[in-house]
């Protein structure tokens, strides 16, 4: 009798836990999918559906006019190519530099290692906006410790070029670089030291051991960093609009989309275009901007989940 009650209690616990888990997953899915579904619904609406009391989700008049306008005003295909180029370049440089830094913190012993790694952790905790002004001024009058004025007679303005992103990525100072260094460090620390010592015995140096032994074993962390870095750079609007004021990338094109649409519709800069319609076209532009990321995720989701699991186990 007691065993039967205990078995029944266990079944009730499993059923309640399944219900709680289903509720949590449904809630999280709603939070994530609701904005996307709302933008899809808005993008296919006609302008007249904005003020129709019977239209909430399903439009009364379906149209692709919003997509056509957004693609034309944003110069979408050129912006897509530029954004993809910038994100790919910074992602590769960030992965290389952060992998080197993470390996150094994990395996190499040198004075001040703990202090330097504390600085890395500090970059995760402290918002990068706090150092935006000095970084901006340095990039505006780039001198490379005085070498550039010594050779050319004047400083170089790197703003409105890709150089700010290239330099910060190559030196492991890019967006979220502290987190990537931490991921690589934790992964390399989890690899048995015997593997590394065997390479040293065979005559391999630090560089060859890193390239031939450590990197092939760090594929999960590499995939994780590549995906995180690419997505964060693609979605970044703050630094991109700060350093690239006139370059055609997604962030700058989205920011100027309502203004350019208002100019196109009526009386130039003093246009009194419907703000709700401007918002509708901007939502369409946002949907177009995130569409490549959704397509990429559909192809790499399995590798991404596997890399996250393996990185977490090693960490």
Protein backbone atom coordinates (compact mmCIF):
# COMPACT_ATOMS: atom_id res chain seq x y z
CA UNK A 1 0.00 0.00 0.00
CA UNK A 2 2.80 2.39 0.91
CA UNK A 3 4.71 1.51 -2.26
CA UNK A 4 1.60 2.23 -4.37
CA UNK A 5 1.15 5.66 -2.78
CA UNK A 6 4.83 6.45 -3.27
CA UNK A 7 4.61 5.47 -6.93
CA UNK A 8 1.51 7.62 -7.37
CA UNK A 9 3.26 10.57 -5.71
CA UNK A 10 6.23 10.21 -8.05
CA UNK A 11 3.88 10.21 -11.05
CA UNK A 12 2.22 13.38 -9.78
CA UNK A 13 5.63 15.04 -9.33
CA UNK A 14 6.64 14.14 -12.88
CA UNK A 15 3.33 15.42 -14.26
CA UNK A 16 3.55 18.70 -12.34
CA UNK A 17 7.19 19.21 -13.41
CA UNK A 18 6.23 18.54 -17.05
CA UNK A 19 3.44 21.11 -16.77
CA UNK A 20 5.77 23.70 -15.21
CA UNK A 21 8.40 23.09 -17.89
CA UNK A 22 5.80 23.38 -20.67
CA UNK A 23 4.53 26.64 -19.18
CA UNK A 24 8.05 28.09 -18.97
CA UNK A 25 8.91 27.08 -22.53
CA UNK A 26 5.64 28.45 -23.86
CA UNK A 27 6.21 31.73 -22.01
CA UNK A 28 9.77 32.10 -23.28
CA UNK A 29 8.72 31.22 -26.82
CA UNK A 30 5.98 33.86 -26.66
CA UNK A 31 8.41 36.53 -25.45
CA UNK A 32 10.85 35.72 -28.25
CA UNK A 33 8.43 35.14 -31.12
CA UNK A 34 5.81 37.80 -30.38
CA UNK A 35 7.86 40.81 -31.64
CA UNK A 36 8.85 38.92 -34.79
CA UNK A 37 5.28 37.83 -35.55
CA UNK A 38 4.06 41.35 -34.90
CA UNK A 39 6.59 42.80 -37.37
CA UNK A 40 5.63 40.22 -40.00
CA UNK A 41 1.97 41.15 -39.54
CA UNK A 42 2.80 44.85 -39.82
CA UNK A 43 5.04 44.42 -42.85
CA UNK A 44 2.34 42.82 -45.01
CA UNK A 45 -0.38 45.34 -44.08
CA UNK A 46 -1.65 48.02 -46.39
CA UNK A 47 -1.45 51.62 -45.22
CA UNK A 48 -5.22 51.70 -44.87
CA UNK A 49 -5.18 48.76 -42.43
CA UNK A 50 -3.46 50.93 -39.83
CA UNK A 51 -6.71 52.61 -38.89
CA UNK A 52 -9.11 49.74 -39.53
CA UNK A 53 -10.79 48.70 -36.25
CA UNK A 54 -11.21 45.11 -37.46
CA UNK A 55 -7.53 44.56 -38.31
CA UNK A 56 -5.34 43.32 -35.48
CA UNK A 57 -3.10 40.52 -36.72
CA UNK A 58 -4.39 39.47 -40.17
CA UNK A 59 -4.43 42.33 -42.69
CA UNK A 60 -7.57 43.09 -44.65
CA UNK A 61 -5.47 44.05 -47.70
CA UNK A 62 -2.21 42.13 -48.17
CA UNK A 63 0.62 43.98 -49.87
CA UNK A 64 4.40 43.83 -50.41
CA UNK A 65 4.63 47.58 -50.91
CA UNK A 66 6.33 48.06 -47.53
CA UNK A 67 9.10 45.63 -48.51
CA UNK A 68 9.61 47.36 -51.85
CA UNK A 69 9.87 50.79 -50.22
CA UNK A 70 12.20 49.57 -47.46
CA UNK A 71 14.51 47.77 -49.91
CA UNK A 72 14.64 50.82 -52.17
CA UNK A 73 15.22 53.45 -49.47
CA UNK A 74 17.77 51.36 -47.53
CA UNK A 75 19.65 50.35 -50.68
CA UNK A 76 19.18 46.97 -49.08
CA UNK A 77 21.39 44.74 -51.19
CA UNK A 78 24.41 47.04 -50.95
CA UNK A 79 23.85 47.46 -47.20
CA UNK A 80 23.52 43.68 -46.85
CA UNK A 81 26.84 43.12 -48.63
CA UNK A 82 28.64 45.80 -46.59
CA UNK A 83 27.26 44.52 -43.28
CA UNK A 84 28.13 40.93 -44.11
CA UNK A 85 31.67 41.94 -45.08
CA UNK A 86 32.18 43.98 -41.91
CA UNK A 87 30.71 41.30 -39.62
CA UNK A 88 32.72 38.49 -41.23
CA UNK A 89 35.98 40.42 -41.08
CA UNK A 90 35.60 41.45 -37.45
CA UNK A 91 34.40 37.96 -36.47
CA UNK A 92 37.48 36.23 -37.89
CA UNK A 93 39.91 38.74 -36.38
CA UNK A 94 38.14 38.62 -33.02
CA UNK A 95 38.21 34.81 -32.91
CA UNK A 96 41.94 34.71 -33.70
CA UNK A 97 42.99 37.41 -31.24
CA UNK A 98 40.74 36.19 -28.42
CA UNK A 99 41.87 32.59 -28.90
CA UNK A 100 45.51 33.69 -28.55
CA UNK A 101 44.69 35.76 -25.46
CA UNK A 102 42.62 32.95 -23.91
CA UNK A 103 45.41 30.43 -24.49
CA UNK A 104 47.95 32.76 -22.92
CA UNK A 105 45.84 33.22 -19.80
CA UNK A 106 45.10 29.49 -19.55
CA UNK A 107 48.52 27.96 -20.19
CA UNK A 108 51.34 30.50 -20.06
CA UNK A 109 52.74 31.63 -16.73
CA UNK A 110 53.96 35.22 -16.56
CA UNK A 111 54.04 38.05 -14.05
CA UNK A 112 50.86 40.03 -13.76
CA UNK A 113 48.70 37.36 -15.38
CA UNK A 114 46.05 37.56 -12.67
CA UNK A 115 45.96 41.35 -12.81
CA UNK A 116 45.59 41.35 -16.59
CA UNK A 117 42.85 38.74 -16.46
CA UNK A 118 41.07 40.81 -13.83
CA UNK A 119 41.16 43.63 -16.37
CA UNK A 120 39.56 41.32 -18.92
CA UNK A 121 36.76 40.50 -16.47
CA UNK A 122 36.39 44.23 -15.83
CA UNK A 123 35.70 44.82 -19.52
CA UNK A 124 32.75 42.42 -19.20
CA UNK A 125 31.35 44.19 -16.15
CA UNK A 126 31.99 47.82 -17.11
CA UNK A 127 29.96 49.19 -20.07
CA UNK A 128 32.25 50.02 -23.01
CA UNK A 129 30.36 53.31 -23.43
CA UNK A 130 32.38 54.67 -20.50
CA UNK A 131 35.51 54.88 -22.67
CA UNK A 132 33.74 55.90 -25.87
CA UNK A 133 34.91 59.54 -25.88
CA UNK A 134 38.68 58.88 -25.54
CA UNK A 135 38.46 56.04 -28.07
CA UNK A 136 36.55 58.27 -30.47
CA UNK A 137 39.12 61.06 -30.14
CA UNK A 138 42.00 58.63 -30.65
CA UNK A 139 40.40 57.28 -33.82
CA UNK A 140 39.64 60.77 -35.08
CA UNK A 141 43.30 61.78 -34.67
CA UNK A 142 45.03 58.43 -34.93
CA UNK A 143 48.77 58.75 -34.34
CA UNK A 144 49.93 55.24 -33.27
CA UNK A 145 52.03 56.56 -30.37
CA UNK A 146 53.27 59.47 -32.51
CA UNK A 147 54.63 57.34 -35.36
CA UNK A 148 52.07 58.44 -37.95
CA UNK A 149 52.71 62.22 -37.52
CA UNK A 150 56.45 61.50 -37.48
CA UNK A 151 56.26 59.84 -40.89
CA UNK A 152 53.48 61.81 -42.59
CA UNK A 153 53.41 65.09 -40.68
CA UNK A 154 49.81 64.74 -39.53
CA UNK A 155 47.43 62.36 -37.83
CA UNK A 156 44.99 60.12 -39.68
CA UNK A 157 41.21 60.21 -39.32
CA UNK A 158 39.98 56.61 -39.17
CA UNK A 159 36.31 57.47 -38.67
CA UNK A 160 33.86 56.47 -41.39
CA UNK A 161 36.13 53.56 -42.34
CA UNK A 162 36.35 49.92 -41.30
CA UNK A 163 39.68 50.51 -39.55
CA UNK A 164 38.24 51.11 -36.06
CA UNK A 165 36.59 47.69 -36.19
CA UNK A 166 39.66 46.00 -37.71
CA UNK A 167 42.06 47.43 -35.12
CA UNK A 168 39.86 46.63 -32.11
CA UNK A 169 39.14 43.12 -33.41
CA UNK A 170 42.79 42.34 -34.17
CA UNK A 171 43.85 43.44 -30.67
CA UNK A 172 41.06 41.57 -28.79
CA UNK A 173 39.31 44.81 -27.86
CA UNK A 174 36.21 44.46 -29.98
CA UNK A 175 32.60 44.28 -28.85
CA UNK A 176 32.23 41.58 -26.11
CA UNK A 177 35.89 40.55 -26.53
CA UNK A 178 36.29 40.05 -22.78
CA UNK A 179 33.58 37.39 -22.83
CA UNK A 180 35.24 35.58 -25.75
CA UNK A 181 38.62 35.57 -23.99
CA UNK A 182 36.93 34.12 -20.91
CA UNK A 183 35.29 31.37 -22.99
CA UNK A 184 38.59 30.39 -24.62
CA UNK A 185 40.45 30.48 -21.31
CA UNK A 186 37.95 28.19 -19.62
CA UNK A 187 38.03 25.77 -22.52
CA UNK A 188 41.82 25.60 -22.78
CA UNK A 189 42.06 25.06 -19.02
CA UNK A 190 39.87 21.99 -19.42
CA UNK A 191 42.19 20.31 -21.92
CA UNK A 192 44.54 17.83 -20.14
CA UNK A 193 48.06 19.15 -19.68
CA UNK A 194 49.49 15.80 -20.76
CA UNK A 195 48.44 16.55 -24.35
CA UNK A 196 50.40 19.78 -24.32
CA UNK A 197 53.40 18.27 -22.58
CA UNK A 198 53.56 15.46 -25.15
CA UNK A 199 53.79 18.08 -27.90
CA UNK A 200 56.64 19.85 -26.06
CA UNK A 201 58.50 16.56 -25.73
CA UNK A 202 58.19 16.01 -29.48
CA UNK A 203 59.90 19.35 -30.05
CA UNK A 204 56.91 21.60 -30.70
CA UNK A 205 57.09 25.16 -29.45
CA UNK A 206 54.32 27.24 -27.94
CA UNK A 207 53.09 28.49 -31.30
CA UNK A 208 53.05 25.10 -32.99
CA UNK A 209 51.40 23.49 -29.97
CA UNK A 210 48.68 26.13 -30.02
CA UNK A 211 48.09 25.81 -33.77
CA UNK A 212 48.42 22.02 -34.17
CA UNK A 213 47.18 20.69 -30.82
CA UNK A 214 45.05 23.20 -28.92
CA UNK A 215 43.02 24.80 -31.71
CA UNK A 216 41.72 21.52 -33.21
CA UNK A 217 40.47 20.56 -29.75
CA UNK A 218 38.83 23.96 -29.27
CA UNK A 219 36.33 23.68 -32.14
CA UNK A 220 33.27 24.00 -29.82
CA UNK A 221 34.51 27.23 -28.28
CA UNK A 222 35.56 28.56 -31.70
CA UNK A 223 32.07 27.93 -33.12
CA UNK A 224 30.49 29.61 -30.10
CA UNK A 225 32.68 32.71 -30.38
CA UNK A 226 32.24 32.94 -34.16
CA UNK A 227 28.46 32.88 -33.90
CA UNK A 228 28.25 35.26 -30.95
CA UNK A 229 30.69 37.70 -32.52
CA UNK A 230 28.97 37.69 -35.91
CA UNK A 231 25.48 38.22 -34.48
CA UNK A 232 26.55 40.94 -32.03
CA UNK A 233 28.44 42.84 -34.72
CA UNK A 234 25.52 42.49 -37.13
CA UNK A 235 23.04 43.81 -34.56
CA UNK A 236 25.28 46.54 -33.17
CA UNK A 237 23.91 50.01 -33.78
CA UNK A 238 25.71 52.13 -31.19
CA UNK A 239 29.35 51.73 -32.26
CA UNK A 240 28.49 51.24 -35.92
CA UNK A 241 26.57 54.50 -36.16
CA UNK A 242 29.30 56.24 -34.15
CA UNK A 243 32.24 55.14 -36.31
CA UNK A 244 30.43 54.79 -39.64
CA UNK A 245 28.38 57.94 -40.14
CA UNK A 246 27.82 57.64 -43.90
CA UNK A 247 28.69 54.07 -44.81
CA UNK A 248 25.80 51.94 -46.05
CA UNK A 249 25.42 49.25 -43.39
CA UNK A 250 22.24 47.96 -41.78
CA UNK A 251 22.51 50.05 -38.62
CA UNK A 252 22.92 53.39 -40.38
CA UNK A 253 20.34 52.60 -43.05
CA UNK A 254 17.75 51.55 -40.48
CA UNK A 255 18.37 54.66 -38.40
CA UNK A 256 17.79 56.98 -41.36
CA UNK A 257 14.94 54.98 -42.93
CA UNK A 258 11.98 57.00 -41.47
CA UNK A 259 13.67 60.33 -42.29
CA UNK A 260 14.48 59.30 -45.88
CA UNK A 261 10.97 57.93 -46.36
CA UNK A 262 9.44 61.18 -45.10
CA UNK A 263 11.59 63.14 -47.56
CA UNK A 264 10.54 60.88 -50.42
CA UNK A 265 6.82 61.06 -49.59
CA UNK A 266 6.07 64.76 -49.26
CA UNK A 267 7.80 68.04 -48.50
CA UNK A 268 11.40 67.14 -47.91
CA UNK A 269 12.79 67.61 -44.41
CA UNK A 270 9.60 69.38 -43.31
CA UNK A 271 7.40 66.47 -44.31
CA UNK A 272 4.29 65.81 -42.24
CA UNK A 273 4.08 62.18 -43.24
CA UNK A 274 2.03 59.83 -41.10
CA UNK A 275 4.34 58.73 -38.23
CA UNK A 276 2.47 55.42 -37.93
CA UNK A 277 3.17 54.68 -41.58
CA UNK A 278 6.82 55.60 -41.13
CA UNK A 279 6.96 53.20 -38.19
CA UNK A 280 5.35 50.49 -40.34
CA UNK A 281 8.02 50.77 -43.03
CA UNK A 282 10.76 50.89 -40.40
CA UNK A 283 9.42 47.67 -38.86
CA UNK A 284 9.65 46.16 -42.32
CA UNK A 285 13.26 47.30 -42.57
CA UNK A 286 14.03 45.73 -39.19
CA UNK A 287 12.49 42.48 -40.39
CA UNK A 288 14.68 42.58 -43.50
CA UNK A 289 17.74 43.25 -41.33
CA UNK A 290 17.22 40.23 -39.08
CA UNK A 291 16.12 37.90 -41.89
CA UNK A 292 19.72 36.87 -42.83
CA UNK A 293 20.42 35.95 -39.19
CA UNK A 294 17.31 33.77 -39.07
CA UNK A 295 18.37 32.00 -42.28
CA UNK A 296 21.89 31.45 -40.92
CA UNK A 297 20.50 30.10 -37.66
CA UNK A 298 18.36 27.55 -39.51
CA UNK A 299 21.52 26.06 -41.02
CA UNK A 300 23.86 26.24 -38.01
CA UNK A 301 21.51 25.67 -35.05
CA UNK A 302 22.65 22.08 -34.52
CA UNK A 303 26.34 23.03 -34.46
CA UNK A 304 25.59 26.01 -32.23
CA UNK A 305 23.72 23.94 -29.63
CA UNK A 306 26.41 21.24 -29.65
CA UNK A 307 29.18 23.82 -29.22
CA UNK A 308 27.36 25.52 -26.33
CA UNK A 309 26.88 22.16 -24.57
CA UNK A 310 30.51 21.12 -24.98
CA UNK A 311 31.80 24.54 -23.96
CA UNK A 312 29.64 24.44 -20.81
CA UNK A 313 30.80 20.93 -19.90
CA UNK A 314 34.46 21.86 -20.24
CA UNK A 315 34.00 25.17 -18.41
